[in-house]
C-alpha atoms as a PDB file:
ATOM      1  CA  MET A   1     -60.351 -65.925  -1.232  1.00  0.00           C
ATOM      2  CA  THR A   2     -59.202 -63.604   1.519  1.00  0.00           C
ATOM      3  CA  TYR A   3     -59.266 -62.878   5.230  1.00  0.00           C
ATOM      4  CA  CYS A   4     -59.786 -59.453   6.771  1.00  0.00           C
ATOM      5  CA  VAL A   5     -60.398 -58.544  10.401  1.00  0.00           C
ATOM      6  CA  ALA A   6     -61.060 -55.225  12.133  1.00  0.00           C
ATOM      7  CA  MET A   7     -61.501 -54.368  15.817  1.00  0.00           C
ATOM      8  CA  ARG A   8     -63.163 -51.381  17.490  1.00  0.00           C
ATOM      9  CA  LEU A   9     -61.564 -50.639  20.847  1.00  0.00           C
ATOM     10  CA  ASP A  10     -61.747 -47.856  23.412  1.00  0.00           C
ATOM     11  CA  ALA A  11     -58.350 -46.628  22.200  1.00  0.00           C
ATOM     12  CA  GLY A  12     -59.118 -46.731  18.474  1.00  0.00           C
ATOM     13  CA  LEU A  13     -59.271 -49.189  15.580  1.00  0.00           C
ATOM     14  CA  VAL A  14     -57.191 -52.073  14.203  1.00  0.00           C
ATOM     15  CA  PHE A  15     -57.425 -53.277  10.587  1.00  0.00           C
ATOM     16  CA  LEU A  16     -55.636 -56.292   9.062  1.00  0.00           C
ATOM     17  CA  SER A  17     -56.010 -57.804   5.580  1.00  0.00           C
ATOM     18  CA  ASP A  18     -54.243 -60.366   3.429  1.00  0.00           C
ATOM     19  CA  SER A  19     -53.670 -60.020  -0.326  1.00  0.00           C
ATOM     20  CA  ARG A  20     -54.402 -63.455  -1.861  1.00  0.00           C
ATOM     21  CA  THR A  21     -56.879 -63.482  -4.765  1.00  0.00           C
ATOM     22  CA  ASN A  22     -56.237 -66.851  -6.449  1.00  0.00           C
ATOM     23  CA  ALA A  23     -54.821 -70.029  -4.976  1.00  0.00           C
ATOM     24  CA  GLY A  24     -54.812 -72.636  -7.716  1.00  0.00           C
ATOM     25  CA  VAL A  25     -51.982 -75.104  -8.150  1.00  0.00           C
ATOM     26  CA  ASP A  26     -50.391 -72.966 -10.847  1.00  0.00           C
ATOM     27  CA  GLN A  27     -52.171 -69.631 -10.395  1.00  0.00           C
ATOM     28  CA  ILE A  28     -51.484 -67.494  -7.335  1.00  0.00           C
ATOM     29  CA  GLY A  29     -52.566 -63.864  -7.542  1.00  0.00           C
ATOM     30  CA  THR A  30     -52.343 -60.969  -5.125  1.00  0.00           C
ATOM     31  CA  ALA A  31     -54.275 -57.728  -4.751  1.00  0.00           C
ATOM     32  CA  ARG A  32     -54.444 -55.390  -1.784  1.00  0.00           C
ATOM     33  CA  LYS A  33     -57.799 -55.502   0.013  1.00  0.00           C
ATOM     34  CA  MET A  34     -57.385 -52.422   2.220  1.00  0.00           C
ATOM     35  CA  THR A  35     -58.072 -48.870   1.021  1.00  0.00           C
ATOM     36  CA  VAL A  36     -57.638 -45.715   3.116  1.00  0.00           C
ATOM     37  CA  TYR A  37     -59.797 -42.619   2.572  1.00  0.00           C
ATOM     38  CA  GLU A  38     -58.125 -39.852   4.528  1.00  0.00           C
ATOM     39  CA  ASN A  39     -58.443 -36.085   4.852  1.00  0.00           C
ATOM     40  CA  PRO A  40     -56.018 -35.384   7.725  1.00  0.00           C
ATOM     41  CA  GLY A  41     -57.543 -33.342  10.511  1.00  0.00           C
ATOM     42  CA  ASP A  42     -61.087 -33.975   9.257  1.00  0.00           C
ATOM     43  CA  ARG A  43     -61.618 -37.704   8.723  1.00  0.00           C
ATOM     44  CA  MET A  44     -59.889 -41.071   8.399  1.00  0.00           C
ATOM     45  CA  MET A  45     -61.757 -44.068   6.969  1.00  0.00           C
ATOM     46  CA  VAL A  46     -60.688 -47.581   5.981  1.00  0.00           C
ATOM     47  CA  LEU A  47     -62.419 -50.032   3.637  1.00  0.00           C
ATOM     48  CA  MET A  48     -61.521 -53.739   3.387  1.00  0.00           C
ATOM     49  CA  THR A  49     -63.168 -56.017   0.829  1.00  0.00           C
ATOM     50  CA  ALA A  50     -63.698 -59.714   0.146  1.00  0.00           C
ATOM     51  CA  GLY A  51     -65.446 -61.478  -2.713  1.00  0.00           C
ATOM     52  CA  ASN A  52     -65.372 -60.851  -6.450  1.00  0.00           C
ATOM     53  CA  LEU A  53     -62.367 -58.623  -7.157  1.00  0.00           C
ATOM     54  CA  SER A  54     -63.888 -56.775 -10.124  1.00  0.00           C
ATOM     55  CA  ILE A  55     -66.983 -55.906  -8.074  1.00  0.00           C
ATOM     56  CA  SER A  56     -64.834 -54.736  -5.158  1.00  0.00           C
ATOM     57  CA  GLN A  57     -62.717 -52.522  -7.390  1.00  0.00           C
ATOM     58  CA  SER A  58     -65.788 -50.972  -9.017  1.00  0.00           C
ATOM     59  CA  ILE A  59     -67.265 -50.166  -5.606  1.00  0.00           C
ATOM     60  CA  ARG A  60     -64.005 -48.664  -4.352  1.00  0.00           C
ATOM     61  CA  GLN A  61     -63.857 -46.444  -7.433  1.00  0.00           C
ATOM     62  CA  LEU A  62     -67.389 -45.141  -6.844  1.00  0.00           C
ATOM     63  CA  ILE A  63     -66.686 -44.513  -3.168  1.00  0.00           C
ATOM     64  CA  GLY A  64     -63.540 -42.510  -3.861  1.00  0.00           C
ATOM     65  CA  GLU A  65     -65.051 -40.597  -6.796  1.00  0.00           C
ATOM     66  CA  PRO A  66     -68.838 -40.543  -6.287  1.00  0.00           C
ATOM     67  CA  GLU A  67     -71.154 -39.673  -9.155  1.00  0.00           C
ATOM     68  CA  ALA A  68     -72.792 -36.257  -9.185  1.00  0.00           C
ATOM     69  CA  GLY A  69     -75.750 -36.171  -6.830  1.00  0.00           C
ATOM     70  CA  SER A  70     -74.701 -39.348  -4.995  1.00  0.00           C
ATOM     71  CA  PRO A  71     -73.915 -39.360  -1.255  1.00  0.00           C
ATOM     72  CA  SER A  72     -70.201 -39.025  -0.554  1.00  0.00           C
ATOM     73  CA  ILE A  73     -67.974 -40.272   2.237  1.00  0.00           C
ATOM     74  CA  TRP A  74     -65.967 -37.047   1.799  1.00  0.00           C
ATOM     75  CA  THR A  75     -68.867 -34.809   2.857  1.00  0.00           C
ATOM     76  CA  ALA A  76     -70.673 -37.147   5.274  1.00  0.00           C
ATOM     77  CA  THR A  77     -71.111 -35.642   8.735  1.00  0.00           C
ATOM     78  CA  SER A  78     -70.971 -39.001  10.543  1.00  0.00           C
ATOM     79  CA  MET A  79     -69.595 -42.491   9.992  1.00  0.00           C
ATOM     80  CA  HIS A  80     -73.152 -43.798   9.766  1.00  0.00           C
ATOM     81  CA  GLU A  81     -73.816 -41.408   6.898  1.00  0.00           C
ATOM     82  CA  ALA A  82     -70.544 -42.499   5.283  1.00  0.00           C
ATOM     83  CA  ALA A  83     -71.584 -46.160   5.618  1.00  0.00           C
ATOM     84  CA  LEU A  84     -74.851 -45.288   3.864  1.00  0.00           C
ATOM     85  CA  ALA A  85     -72.785 -43.795   1.027  1.00  0.00           C
ATOM     86  CA  VAL A  86     -70.811 -47.041   0.748  1.00  0.00           C
ATOM     87  CA  GLY A  87     -74.064 -49.012   0.667  1.00  0.00           C
ATOM     88  CA  THR A  88     -75.352 -46.746  -2.103  1.00  0.00           C
ATOM     89  CA  ALA A  89     -72.202 -47.429  -4.139  1.00  0.00           C
ATOM     90  CA  VAL A  90     -72.742 -51.180  -3.699  1.00  0.00           C
ATOM     91  CA  ARG A  91     -76.313 -50.901  -5.013  1.00  0.00           C
ATOM     92  CA  LYS A  92     -75.245 -48.790  -7.996  1.00  0.00           C
ATOM     93  CA  VAL A  93     -72.677 -51.389  -9.046  1.00  0.00           C
ATOM     94  CA  HIS A  94     -75.288 -54.118  -8.541  1.00  0.00           C
ATOM     95  CA  GLU A  95     -77.783 -52.283 -10.759  1.00  0.00           C
ATOM     96  CA  ARG A  96     -75.141 -51.861 -13.444  1.00  0.00           C
ATOM     97  CA  ASP A  97     -73.393 -55.263 -13.407  1.00  0.00           C
ATOM     98  CA  ALA A  98     -75.439 -57.946 -11.615  1.00  0.00           C
ATOM     99  CA  ALA A  99     -77.623 -58.957 -14.575  1.00  0.00           C
ATOM    100  CA  ALA A 100     -74.669 -59.218 -16.959  1.00  0.00           C
ATOM    101  CA  LEU A 101     -72.663 -61.249 -14.443  1.00  0.00           C
ATOM    102  CA  GLY A 102     -75.642 -63.543 -13.888  1.00  0.00           C
ATOM    103  CA  GLN A 103     -75.747 -64.420 -17.593  1.00  0.00           C
ATOM    104  CA  TYR A 104     -72.318 -65.998 -17.134  1.00  0.00           C
ATOM    105  CA  GLY A 105     -73.236 -67.748 -13.893  1.00  0.00           C
ATOM    106  CA  ILE A 106     -71.338 -65.282 -11.703  1.00  0.00           C
ATOM    107  CA  ASP A 107     -72.982 -64.229  -8.442  1.00  0.00           C
ATOM    108  CA  PHE A 108     -72.832 -60.656  -7.187  1.00  0.00           C
ATOM    109  CA  ASN A 109     -70.612 -61.561  -4.253  1.00  0.00           C
ATOM    110  CA  VAL A 110     -68.939 -58.918  -2.110  1.00  0.00           C
ATOM    111  CA  SER A 111     -68.576 -58.157   1.592  1.00  0.00           C
ATOM    112  CA  MET A 112     -66.837 -55.242   3.247  1.00  0.00           C
ATOM    113  CA  ILE A 113     -65.604 -53.848   6.535  1.00  0.00           C
ATOM    114  CA  PHE A 114     -65.741 -50.067   6.792  1.00  0.00           C
ATOM    115  CA  GLY A 115     -64.585 -48.038   9.765  1.00  0.00           C
ATOM    116  CA  GLY A 116     -62.967 -44.842  10.920  1.00  0.00           C
ATOM    117  CA  GLN A 117     -63.691 -41.486  12.507  1.00  0.00           C
ATOM    118  CA  ILE A 118     -65.133 -38.193  11.284  1.00  0.00           C
ATOM    119  CA  GLY A 119     -64.536 -34.965  13.228  1.00  0.00           C
ATOM    120  CA  GLY A 120     -65.324 -35.227  16.920  1.00  0.00           C
ATOM    121  CA  GLU A 121     -67.492 -38.321  16.549  1.00  0.00           C
ATOM    122  CA  ARG A 122     -66.404 -41.580  18.184  1.00  0.00           C
ATOM    123  CA  CYS A 123     -64.641 -44.314  16.209  1.00  0.00           C
ATOM    124  CA  ARG A 124     -67.146 -46.574  14.474  1.00  0.00           C
ATOM    125  CA  LEU A 125     -66.959 -49.869  12.588  1.00  0.00           C
ATOM    126  CA  PHE A 126     -69.419 -51.457  10.120  1.00  0.00           C
ATOM    127  CA  GLN A 127     -69.802 -54.676   8.154  1.00  0.00           C
ATOM    128  CA  ILE A 128     -71.477 -54.081   4.786  1.00  0.00           C
ATOM    129  CA  TYR A 129     -73.180 -56.828   2.768  1.00  0.00           C
ATOM    130  CA  SER A 130     -73.846 -57.461  -0.925  1.00  0.00           C
ATOM    131  CA  ALA A 131     -77.244 -55.744  -0.696  1.00  0.00           C
ATOM    132  CA  GLY A 132     -75.664 -52.544   0.634  1.00  0.00           C
ATOM    133  CA  ASN A 133     -77.130 -53.016   4.114  1.00  0.00           C
ATOM    134  CA  PHE A 134     -74.852 -53.078   7.146  1.00  0.00           C
ATOM    135  CA  ILE A 135     -74.452 -53.689  10.857  1.00  0.00           C
ATOM    136  CA  GLU A 136     -72.330 -51.802  13.392  1.00  0.00           C
ATOM    137  CA  ALA A 137     -69.878 -53.068  16.004  1.00  0.00           C
ATOM    138  CA  HIS A 138     -70.650 -52.421  19.680  1.00  0.00           C
ATOM    139  CA  ASP A 139     -69.048 -53.376  22.990  1.00  0.00           C
ATOM    140  CA  GLU A 140     -70.805 -56.756  22.901  1.00  0.00           C
ATOM    141  CA  ASN A 141     -69.361 -57.437  19.436  1.00  0.00           C
ATOM    142  CA  THR A 142     -66.169 -55.444  19.023  1.00  0.00           C
ATOM    143  CA  TYR A 143     -64.833 -56.974  15.807  1.00  0.00           C
ATOM    144  CA  PHE A 144     -65.796 -58.034  12.294  1.00  0.00           C
ATOM    145  CA  GLN A 145     -64.294 -60.633   9.948  1.00  0.00           C
ATOM    146  CA  ILE A 146     -64.856 -61.236   6.244  1.00  0.00           C
ATOM    147  CA  GLY A 147     -63.590 -64.007   3.989  1.00  0.00           C
ATOM    148  CA  GLU A 148     -62.083 -67.121   5.588  1.00  0.00           C
ATOM    149  CA  ALA A 149     -63.126 -66.176   9.114  1.00  0.00           C
ATOM    150  CA  LYS A 150     -63.455 -69.502  10.933  1.00  0.00           C
ATOM    151  CA  TYR A 151     -59.774 -70.334  11.444  1.00  0.00           C
ATOM    152  CA  GLY A 152     -58.853 -67.061  13.138  1.00  0.00           C
ATOM    153  CA  LYS A 153     -62.006 -66.559  15.192  1.00  0.00           C
ATOM    154  CA  PRO A 154     -61.235 -68.583  18.382  1.00  0.00           C
ATOM    155  CA  ILE A 155     -58.280 -66.473  19.557  1.00  0.00           C
ATOM    156  CA  ILE A 156     -60.240 -63.234  19.058  1.00  0.00           C
ATOM    157  CA  ASP A 157     -63.251 -64.559  20.963  1.00  0.00           C
ATOM    158  CA  ARG A 158     -61.024 -65.547  23.871  1.00  0.00           C
ATOM    159  CA  VAL A 159     -58.917 -62.420  24.351  1.00  0.00           C
ATOM    160  CA  ILE A 160     -60.361 -59.274  22.726  1.00  0.00           C
ATOM    161  CA  THR A 161     -62.133 -56.766  24.989  1.00  0.00           C
ATOM    162  CA  PRO A 162     -62.950 -53.093  24.342  1.00  0.00           C
ATOM    163  CA  ALA A 163     -60.346 -52.033  26.938  1.00  0.00           C
ATOM    164  CA  MET A 164     -57.455 -53.881  25.250  1.00  0.00           C
ATOM    165  CA  PRO A 165     -54.560 -51.617  24.134  1.00  0.00           C
ATOM    166  CA  LEU A 166     -54.112 -51.208  20.389  1.00  0.00           C
ATOM    167  CA  ASP A 167     -50.753 -52.995  20.210  1.00  0.00           C
ATOM    168  CA  GLU A 168     -52.141 -56.030  22.051  1.00  0.00           C
ATOM    169  CA  ALA A 169     -55.110 -56.079  19.692  1.00  0.00           C
ATOM    170  CA  ALA A 170     -52.714 -55.912  16.727  1.00  0.00           C
ATOM    171  CA  LYS A 171     -50.841 -58.911  18.158  1.00  0.00           C
ATOM    172  CA  CYS A 172     -54.134 -60.795  18.477  1.00  0.00           C
ATOM    173  CA  ALA A 173     -55.074 -59.927  14.884  1.00  0.00           C
ATOM    174  CA  LEU A 174     -51.711 -61.221  13.621  1.00  0.00           C
ATOM    175  CA  ILE A 175     -52.119 -64.495  15.545  1.00  0.00           C
ATOM    176  CA  SER A 176     -55.604 -64.801  14.065  1.00  0.00           C
ATOM    177  CA  MET A 177     -54.178 -64.246  10.582  1.00  0.00           C
ATOM    178  CA  ASP A 178     -51.346 -66.735  11.133  1.00  0.00           C
ATOM    179  CA  SER A 179     -53.848 -69.410  12.206  1.00  0.00           C
ATOM    180  CA  THR A 180     -55.760 -68.765   8.987  1.00  0.00           C
ATOM    181  CA  LEU A 181     -52.677 -68.854   6.754  1.00  0.00           C
ATOM    182  CA  ARG A 182     -51.569 -72.126   8.339  1.00  0.00           C
ATOM    183  CA  SER A 183     -54.911 -73.833   7.627  1.00  0.00           C
ATOM    184  CA  ASN A 184     -56.043 -72.301   4.328  1.00  0.00           C
ATOM    185  CA  ILE A 185     -54.017 -71.866   1.155  1.00  0.00           C
ATOM    186  CA  SER A 186     -56.490 -69.307  -0.217  1.00  0.00           C
ATOM    187  CA  VAL A 187     -55.173 -66.708   2.265  1.00  0.00           C
ATOM    188  CA  GLY A 188     -51.639 -65.420   1.873  1.00  0.00           C
ATOM    189  CA  LEU A 189     -48.946 -62.800   2.375  1.00  0.00           C
ATOM    190  CA  PRO A 190     -48.274 -59.917   2.156  1.00  0.00           C
ATOM    191  CA  LEU A 191     -50.489 -58.433   4.869  1.00  0.00           C
ATOM    192  CA  ASP A 192     -51.563 -54.841   5.456  1.00  0.00           C
ATOM    193  CA  LEU A 193     -51.821 -53.789   9.125  1.00  0.00           C
ATOM    194  CA  LEU A 194     -53.214 -50.370  10.096  1.00  0.00           C
ATOM    195  CA  ILE A 195     -53.535 -48.930  13.603  1.00  0.00           C
ATOM    196  CA  TYR A 196     -55.674 -45.864  14.247  1.00  0.00           C
ATOM    197  CA  GLU A 197     -55.608 -43.996  17.561  1.00  0.00           C
ATOM    198  CA  LYS A 198     -58.895 -42.260  18.314  1.00  0.00           C
ATOM    199  CA  ASN A 199     -59.062 -38.527  17.565  1.00  0.00           C
ATOM    200  CA  ALA A 200     -55.885 -38.613  15.446  1.00  0.00           C
ATOM    201  CA  LEU A 201     -57.942 -38.111  12.250  1.00  0.00           C
ATOM    202  CA  GLN A 202     -55.102 -39.604  10.219  1.00  0.00           C
ATOM    203  CA  VAL A 203     -53.391 -42.989   9.983  1.00  0.00           C
ATOM    204  CA  THR A 204     -51.390 -43.586  13.161  1.00  0.00           C
ATOM    205  CA  ARG A 205     -49.300 -46.617  12.161  1.00  0.00           C
ATOM    206  CA  PHE A 206     -49.198 -48.752   9.029  1.00  0.00           C
ATOM    207  CA  VAL A 207     -47.021 -51.618   7.804  1.00  0.00           C
ATOM    208  CA  THR A 208     -47.033 -54.099   4.930  1.00  0.00           C
ATOM    209  CA  ILE A 209     -45.865 -57.490   6.212  1.00  0.00           C
ATOM    210  CA  ASP A 210     -44.149 -60.066   4.006  1.00  0.00           C
ATOM    211  CA  GLU A 211     -42.408 -63.364   4.778  1.00  0.00           C
ATOM    212  CA  ARG A 212     -39.239 -61.516   5.856  1.00  0.00           C
ATOM    213  CA  ASN A 213     -40.920 -59.464   8.597  1.00  0.00           C
ATOM    214  CA  GLN A 214     -39.140 -60.326  11.845  1.00  0.00           C
ATOM    215  CA  TYR A 215     -42.071 -59.728  14.196  1.00  0.00           C
ATOM    216  CA  TYR A 216     -44.460 -61.813  12.119  1.00  0.00           C
ATOM    217  CA  GLN A 217     -41.946 -64.664  11.937  1.00  0.00           C
ATOM    218  CA  MET A 218     -41.607 -64.482  15.732  1.00  0.00           C
ATOM    219  CA  ILE A 219     -45.415 -64.640  16.082  1.00  0.00           C
ATOM    220  CA  ARG A 220     -45.573 -67.656  13.778  1.00  0.00           C
ATOM    221  CA  SER A 221     -42.891 -69.684  15.562  1.00  0.00           C
ATOM    222  CA  THR A 222     -43.672 -68.640  19.153  1.00  0.00           C
ATOM    223  CA  TRP A 223     -47.421 -69.163  18.892  1.00  0.00           C
ATOM    224  CA  GLY A 224     -46.935 -72.674  17.544  1.00  0.00           C
ATOM    225  CA  GLN A 225     -44.415 -73.548  20.259  1.00  0.00           C
ATOM    226  CA  GLN A 226     -46.581 -72.176  23.064  1.00  0.00           C
ATOM    227  CA  LEU A 227     -49.669 -73.986  21.792  1.00  0.00           C
ATOM    228  CA  ARG A 228     -47.719 -77.251  21.798  1.00  0.00           C
ATOM    229  CA  ARG A 229     -46.426 -76.568  25.313  1.00  0.00           C
ATOM    230  CA  VAL A 230     -49.918 -75.886  26.662  1.00  0.00           C
ATOM    231  CA  PHE A 231     -51.266 -78.961  24.861  1.00  0.00           C
ATOM    232  CA  ASP A 232     -48.587 -81.180  26.410  1.00  0.00           C
ATOM    233  CA  SER A 233     -49.319 -79.769  29.891  1.00  0.00           C
ATOM    234  CA  ILE A 234     -52.980 -80.835  29.793  1.00  0.00           C
ATOM    235  CA  ALA A 235     -53.581 -84.301  31.275  1.00  0.00           C
ATOM    236  CA  ASP A 236     -54.983 -87.132  29.169  1.00  0.00           C
ATOM    237  CA  PRO A 237     -58.589 -88.155  29.940  1.00  0.00           C
ATOM    238  CA  ILE A 238     -59.480 -91.049  32.246  1.00  0.00           C
ATOM    239  CA  TRP A 239     -62.074 -93.496  30.916  1.00  0.00           C
ATOM    240  CA  ASN A 240     -64.360 -95.701  33.026  1.00  0.00           C
ATOM    241  CA  ALA A 241     -63.132 -94.076  36.207  1.00  0.00           C
ATOM    242  CA  ALA A 242     -63.972 -95.547  39.591  1.00  0.00           C
ATOM    243  CA  PRO A 243     -66.487 -93.540  41.675  1.00  0.00           C
ATOM    244  CA  GLU A 244     -63.776 -92.249  44.015  1.00  0.00           C
ATOM    245  CA  VAL A 245     -61.775 -90.702  41.135  1.00  0.00           C
ATOM    246  CA  ASP A 246     -62.728 -87.056  40.533  1.00  0.00           C
ATOM    247  CA  VAL A 247     -59.833 -85.630  38.469  1.00  0.00           C
ATOM    248  CA  ASN A 248     -59.595 -85.663  34.644  1.00  0.00           C
ATOM    249  CA  VAL A 249     -62.618 -87.964  34.432  1.00  0.00           C
ATOM    250  CA  LEU A 250     -64.070 -88.266  30.943  1.00  0.00           C
ATOM    251  CA  SER A 251     -66.426 -91.138  31.730  1.00  0.00           C
ATOM    252  CA  THR A 252     -67.316 -93.053  34.885  1.00  0.00           C
ATOM    253  CA  ARG A 253     -67.615 -96.774  35.373  1.00  0.00           C
ATOM    254  CA  GLY A 254     -71.131 -97.996  34.708  1.00  0.00           C
ATOM    255  CA  ALA A 255     -72.272 -94.796  33.005  1.00  0.00           C
ATOM    256  CA  ALA A 256     -75.077 -95.446  30.529  1.00  0.00           C
ATOM    257  CA  CYS A 257     -73.431 -93.899  27.458  1.00  0.00           C
ATOM    258  CA  HIS A 258     -74.014 -95.563  24.112  1.00  0.00           C
ATOM    259  CA  PRO A 259     -73.526 -94.450  20.512  1.00  0.00           C
ATOM    260  CA  VAL A 260     -76.374 -94.474  18.016  1.00  0.00           C
ATOM    261  CA  ARG A 261     -75.979 -97.806  16.224  1.00  0.00           C
ATOM    262  CA  VAL A 262     -77.479 -99.049  12.966  1.00  0.00           C
ATOM    263  CA  PRO A 263     -77.755-102.864  12.912  1.00  0.00           C
ATOM    264  CA  PRO A 264     -76.511-104.735   9.821  1.00  0.00           C
ATOM    265  CA  PRO A 265     -79.009-106.435   7.477  1.00  0.00           C
ATOM    266  CA  ASP A 266     -80.197-109.819   8.728  1.00  0.00           C
ATOM    267  CA  ASN A 267     -78.402-111.686   5.951  1.00  0.00           C
ATOM    268  CA  LEU A 268     -75.093-110.100   6.978  1.00  0.00           C
ATOM    269  CA  ALA A 269     -75.493-110.162  10.742  1.00  0.00           C
ATOM    270  CA  ARG A 270     -73.365-112.612  12.673  1.00  0.00           C
ATOM    271  CA  HIS A 271     -75.694-114.670  14.877  1.00  0.00           C
ATOM    272  CA  GLU A 272     -73.707-116.193  17.694  1.00  0.00           C
ATOM    273  CA  ALA A 273     -75.076-119.221  19.502  1.00  0.00           C
ATOM    274  CA  HIS A 274     -75.907-118.371  23.076  1.00  0.00           C
ATOM    275  CA  PRO A 275     -74.943-121.040  25.691  1.00  0.00           C
ATOM    276  CA  ALA A 276     -77.727-122.642  27.680  1.00  0.00           C
ATOM    277  CA  PRO A 277     -78.263-120.923  31.007  1.00  0.00           C
ATOM    278  CA  LEU A 278     -76.539-122.546  33.955  1.00  0.00           C
ATOM    279  CA  GLN A 279     -78.745-124.301  36.481  1.00  0.00           C
ATOM    280  CA  THR A 280     -78.979-122.736  39.854  1.00  0.00           C
ATOM    281  CA  LEU A 281     -77.975-124.736  42.905  1.00  0.00           C
ATOM    282  CA  ALA A 282     -81.621-125.031  44.018  1.00  0.00           C
ATOM    283  CA  GLU A 283     -82.682-126.354  40.602  1.00  0.00           C
ATOM    284  CA  ALA A 284     -79.899-128.929  40.693  1.00  0.00           C
ATOM    285  CA  LYS A 285     -80.977-130.229  44.122  1.00  0.00           C
ATOM    286  CA  THR A 286     -84.618-130.519  43.021  1.00  0.00           C
ATOM    287  CA  LEU A 287     -83.641-132.461  39.924  1.00  0.00           C
ATOM    288  CA  ASP A 288     -81.457-134.804  41.997  1.00  0.00           C
ATOM    289  CA  LYS A 289     -84.355-135.617  44.364  1.00  0.00           C
ATOM    290  CA  GLN A 290     -86.682-136.355  41.458  1.00  0.00           C
ATOM    291  CA  GLN A 291     -84.187-138.754  39.944  1.00  0.00           C
ATOM    292  CA  ARG A 292     -83.951-140.655  43.220  1.00  0.00           C
END
């Protein structure tokens, strides 16, 4: 499996990918998921892939060296046109390989993040699906994830905004990746991190991160410590609180909250004998008069 995340910000783009391909007990493989297509001064584009590795590699090959007559990312006049070229490459590989893969029970499974800038156009970011169709990131949805996305999503949802500086966004992406690595063995080091400043039309900053990277180790230890500190600072809940209590109340006294219960079968149910109801004082006096 894998995890890739990309963010489109006012200042540019951030891309981060892992390199894990297999995560069996005795089979751990790595392959880089990020590919850069760059013609400095004219265009800079990044593709990240998740899914079947052979399909991903075939698509990357077609994108970099398109067949005669096919649309090309190298001559596209906009990022939207380049995304269409990527989608065309996906469909060509599907037409060629999907039926043969299906005979062996292998699904045509691939997903991609594609982004960059061409000429004077703004930075743009797309998520491309197995059918070759795609969606684009906007201010309301400034990032895309593929692969094992669920573990690293909460931190991004809480902090990322279009106005965030690139280095802060890179920090957020690394925390997101660390959360994923900690919870899922199918995602692993090394990582590829690329920062692109708008209008540069070439890679601005790039680093491959392994277990010896000092900044990543600091992220891993500090984030865990700070999470624990915040957790310890939050008060425990109060159950069955009195009406006058209004702080940290999880439930109030007398609240009609009940779980959905399934009763046991009659032959297994424990039937407790109920005591006879107590006589009221008035009933006792009446009975005493009658006895007299």
